[in-house]
Every structure is written in C-alpha cells, then in structure tokens.
Protein backbone atom coordinates (compact mmCIF):
# COMPACT_ATOMS: atom_id res chain seq x y z
CA UNK A 1 -26.16 -137.41 89.12
CA UNK A 2 -24.04 -139.51 86.81
CA UNK A 3 -21.82 -142.28 88.09
CA UNK A 4 -18.84 -140.16 86.97
CA UNK A 5 -19.73 -137.46 89.48
CA UNK A 6 -20.59 -140.02 92.15
CA UNK A 7 -17.06 -141.38 91.79
CA UNK A 8 -15.41 -137.97 91.59
CA UNK A 9 -17.25 -136.52 94.59
CA UNK A 10 -16.76 -139.73 96.61
CA UNK A 11 -12.96 -139.78 96.31
CA UNK A 12 -10.89 -139.33 99.41
CA UNK A 13 -7.33 -140.07 100.40
CA UNK A 14 -6.85 -143.40 102.15
CA UNK A 15 -3.42 -143.95 103.65
CA UNK A 16 -3.66 -147.47 105.04
CA UNK A 17 -4.16 -150.05 102.30
CA UNK A 18 -3.13 -153.64 101.71
CA UNK A 19 -2.67 -156.17 98.93
CA UNK A 20 -3.84 -156.81 96.40
CA UNK A 21 -2.81 -153.79 94.44
CA UNK A 22 -3.91 -153.00 90.92
CA UNK A 23 -3.49 -155.72 88.29
CA UNK A 24 -1.32 -154.89 85.29
CA UNK A 25 -4.46 -153.98 83.34
CA UNK A 26 -5.71 -151.71 86.11
CA UNK A 27 -2.30 -150.09 86.50
CA UNK A 28 -2.30 -149.47 82.75
CA UNK A 29 -5.60 -147.57 83.13
CA UNK A 30 -4.27 -145.57 86.09
CA UNK A 31 -1.12 -144.54 84.23
CA UNK A 32 -2.98 -143.78 81.00
CA UNK A 33 -5.30 -141.53 83.03
CA UNK A 34 -2.23 -139.78 84.44
CA UNK A 35 -0.98 -138.84 81.01
CA UNK A 36 -4.28 -137.17 80.12
CA UNK A 37 -3.33 -134.26 82.38
CA UNK A 38 -2.86 -130.80 80.85
CA UNK A 39 0.66 -130.23 79.55
CA UNK A 40 1.51 -126.73 78.33
CA UNK A 41 4.01 -126.96 75.50
CA UNK A 42 3.69 -130.76 75.25
CA UNK A 43 6.75 -131.12 77.50
CA UNK A 44 5.61 -134.50 78.84
CA UNK A 45 7.18 -133.73 82.25
CA UNK A 46 5.79 -136.80 84.00
CA UNK A 47 8.27 -139.26 85.47
CA UNK A 48 7.03 -142.22 87.51
CA UNK A 49 8.91 -145.09 89.15
CA UNK A 50 6.94 -148.17 90.20
CA UNK A 51 7.86 -149.79 93.51
CA UNK A 52 6.01 -153.02 94.24
CA UNK A 53 5.68 -155.79 96.78
CA UNK A 54 8.71 -156.53 98.92
CA UNK A 55 10.53 -153.44 97.60
CA UNK A 56 7.98 -151.04 99.12
CA UNK A 57 9.16 -151.23 102.78
CA UNK A 58 12.71 -150.45 101.62
CA UNK A 59 11.55 -146.91 100.81
CA UNK A 60 11.69 -146.13 104.51
CA UNK A 61 15.36 -146.99 104.62
CA UNK A 62 16.04 -144.70 101.64
CA UNK A 63 14.56 -141.80 103.60
CA UNK A 64 16.37 -142.77 106.80
CA UNK A 65 19.75 -142.92 105.04
CA UNK A 66 19.16 -139.60 103.26
CA UNK A 67 18.25 -137.93 106.54
CA UNK A 68 21.43 -139.17 108.20
CA UNK A 69 23.56 -138.20 105.19
CA UNK A 70 22.17 -134.65 105.14
CA UNK A 71 22.47 -134.20 108.90
CA UNK A 72 18.71 -134.05 109.21
CA UNK A 73 17.72 -137.49 110.54
CA UNK A 74 14.05 -138.39 110.46
CA UNK A 75 12.53 -138.53 113.96
CA UNK A 76 12.12 -142.11 115.18
CA UNK A 77 8.32 -141.83 115.58
CA UNK A 78 8.10 -140.75 111.92
CA UNK A 79 10.28 -143.72 110.88
CA UNK A 80 8.15 -146.11 112.95
CA UNK A 81 4.93 -144.72 111.45
CA UNK A 82 6.33 -145.00 107.92
CA UNK A 83 7.39 -148.61 108.53
CA UNK A 84 3.91 -149.45 109.81
CA UNK A 85 2.26 -147.68 106.88
CA UNK A 86 4.37 -149.26 104.14
CA UNK A 87 4.42 -152.75 105.63
CA UNK A 88 1.19 -153.63 103.79
CA UNK A 89 1.18 -151.25 100.79
CA UNK A 90 1.41 -153.30 97.58
CA UNK A 91 2.28 -150.47 95.16
CA UNK A 92 3.99 -147.13 95.46
CA UNK A 93 4.50 -144.84 92.51
CA UNK A 94 7.39 -142.44 93.05
CA UNK A 95 6.48 -139.14 91.41
CA UNK A 96 8.83 -136.90 89.50
CA UNK A 97 8.84 -133.94 87.17
CA UNK A 98 11.20 -133.16 84.31
CA UNK A 99 10.61 -129.51 83.39
CA UNK A 100 11.23 -128.17 79.90
CA UNK A 101 14.98 -128.57 79.26
CA UNK A 102 14.85 -125.62 76.83
CA UNK A 103 13.28 -123.38 79.48
CA UNK A 104 10.43 -122.26 77.17
CA UNK A 105 7.76 -123.37 79.64
CA UNK A 106 8.14 -122.28 83.29
CA UNK A 107 9.10 -125.15 85.58
CA UNK A 108 6.09 -124.37 87.78
CA UNK A 109 3.77 -125.26 84.89
CA UNK A 110 5.43 -128.65 84.49
CA UNK A 111 5.07 -129.27 88.21
CA UNK A 112 1.38 -128.37 87.95
CA UNK A 113 1.08 -130.86 85.07
CA UNK A 114 2.54 -133.58 87.29
CA UNK A 115 0.16 -132.59 90.09
CA UNK A 116 -2.75 -132.86 87.67
CA UNK A 117 -1.47 -136.29 86.56
CA UNK A 118 -1.34 -137.44 90.18
CA UNK A 119 -4.91 -136.23 90.71
CA UNK A 120 -5.95 -138.24 87.67
CA UNK A 121 -4.23 -141.30 89.16
CA UNK A 122 -5.98 -140.76 92.50
CA UNK A 123 -9.34 -140.54 90.74
CA UNK A 124 -8.63 -143.55 88.52
CA UNK A 125 -7.54 -145.66 91.49
CA UNK A 126 -10.70 -144.67 93.35
CA UNK A 127 -12.89 -145.44 90.32
CA UNK A 128 -11.32 -148.92 90.22
CA UNK A 129 -12.15 -149.48 93.90
CA UNK A 130 -8.69 -148.90 95.39
CA UNK A 131 -7.53 -146.60 98.15
CA UNK A 132 -4.72 -144.18 97.36
CA UNK A 133 -2.64 -141.61 99.22
CA UNK A 134 -0.17 -138.97 97.98
CA UNK A 135 2.62 -138.47 100.51
CA UNK A 136 5.50 -136.03 100.58
CA UNK A 137 6.94 -137.64 103.69
CA UNK A 138 9.81 -140.13 103.81
CA UNK A 139 12.39 -137.54 102.89
CA UNK A 140 10.81 -136.18 99.72
CA UNK A 141 12.62 -132.90 100.23
CA UNK A 142 15.94 -134.41 101.31
CA UNK A 143 18.85 -134.56 98.89
CA UNK A 144 19.53 -138.06 97.69
CA UNK A 145 16.05 -139.58 98.00
CA UNK A 146 14.92 -138.84 94.45
CA UNK A 147 18.30 -139.89 93.11
CA UNK A 148 18.11 -143.20 95.01
CA UNK A 149 14.77 -143.82 93.26
CA UNK A 150 16.23 -143.16 89.82
CA UNK A 151 15.42 -139.49 89.30
CA UNK A 152 18.21 -137.40 87.77
CA UNK A 153 18.86 -134.61 90.31
CA UNK A 154 20.14 -132.28 87.57
CA UNK A 155 17.05 -132.51 85.36
CA UNK A 156 14.21 -133.91 87.46
CA UNK A 157 12.43 -133.01 90.67
CA UNK A 158 11.17 -135.73 93.01
CA UNK A 159 7.61 -134.91 94.17
CA UNK A 160 6.68 -137.67 96.60
CA UNK A 161 4.93 -141.01 96.64
CA UNK A 162 1.54 -142.32 95.61
CA UNK A 163 0.53 -145.44 97.56
CA UNK A 164 -2.24 -147.59 96.06
CA UNK A 165 -3.91 -150.73 97.37
CA UNK A 166 -7.05 -152.40 98.60
CA UNK A 167 -8.92 -150.71 101.42
CA UNK A 168 -8.37 -152.26 104.83
CA UNK A 169 -11.39 -150.56 106.38
CA UNK A 170 -14.23 -148.66 104.77
CA UNK A 171 -13.40 -144.98 105.13
CA UNK A 172 -15.71 -143.01 107.33
CA UNK A 173 -17.49 -139.86 106.22
CA UNK A 174 -15.41 -136.78 105.69
CA UNK A 175 -16.62 -133.22 106.00
CA UNK A 176 -15.92 -131.36 102.78
CA UNK A 177 -15.57 -127.60 102.55
CA UNK A 178 -18.30 -125.57 100.89
CA UNK A 179 -16.98 -124.31 97.57
CA UNK A 180 -18.62 -120.94 98.22
CA UNK A 181 -16.07 -120.31 100.98
CA UNK A 182 -13.27 -120.50 98.40
CA UNK A 183 -14.71 -118.78 95.34
CA UNK A 184 -15.27 -115.15 94.45
CA UNK A 185 -16.49 -113.54 91.28
CA UNK A 186 -14.64 -110.86 89.37
CA UNK A 187 -16.29 -108.12 87.33
CA UNK A 188 -14.59 -105.73 84.93
CA UNK A 189 -14.28 -102.21 86.33
CA UNK A 190 -16.85 -99.76 85.07
CA UNK A 191 -15.57 -97.39 82.42
CA UNK A 192 -15.53 -93.74 83.46
C-alpha cells in the first residue's frame, strides 16, 4: 500500500492537542489542500478565520456570551470542558460558508464544498504529523457566534471550529466500520 493510503487510512480525530501548531509553511499547505475541494459552479464558498495562541481560549467566552444573549446558556460542565480543551490548542480555524449570492448553485452544495475542504485540512494536518478535531460545539448554532468571529450573518454560515496542534498522547487504536455495512449496489430494472 502506498504511503498516501497509509496516511489516509490512519487519520483519526484527535481533540486534545498542544503547541506547537503548524508553522506558516505547514499552514500554507493545509489551507492550499482545503481549496482543492470540489466546488460546483466555482463559487469559492470557503471562508476561514485563523485564531492562534492566546486568542484561542477566548473562543469559549464568545460561546458563553452568545448563549446568555440568546437565552440558551451553555451548561457549566460544557463550558469547563471547552476551557480545558482550548487551554492548550495552538490553532483554531473557524469555518464558514458563503453560498452562491446569485442562487444558481444550491446552498447545500456550497456547504458540502466547505465540508470537503475541512476533510482535506484534516487529512493534510494528519499527513504533517498534527492532530486535528472538527467541533460544532461552543455555540456554533447560536446567533452571534459566527458574527463575533467575523462571518457576515446575512451572507455566510458559520460551520464550527477546526483545532490543530501537536499530539499530547499517541492515539490508541480505533475500530473502524466495515464499508460493506454502508454500501449497496444498484442495478437498472430489467426491461419488460
């Protein structure tokens, strides 16, 4: 098996990471990989905001404030867990989507393009030896969070966070599903 497939099949999400994060050159590779995702209509829907170093823990407070403002405060255990998680994360990429402003391409397709871009970033980070984790916690679906991160609420949709850093512990084995449990084969109906 090629090293490409070794890397691809060895990827897994790793939530708890620490500094150092990717260098500027490594981040360039990760972001260039993101923009190789499929993009129906060449909409270029990807929107990313980099949050680094000492600014990362402040993301928790953005979610806390949004929860209070919307009358849906985050439970304290969730806040505590988020503070613990982000206390060591060196880089978070806030993820957003700007669907086709002309409406030619369905918004769902632009969101899929962003999802494909995030998968490319996860794979690129893994190939570079980093751990990465895509989270939709911290108030992703609360009004005001995306706007606080710089996403235009009228034209863009906030889609969560991608945390990237150096592994703290080697991840243990993970049981993967068998693809045969998720795949069927279609055949054209016989003509009468």
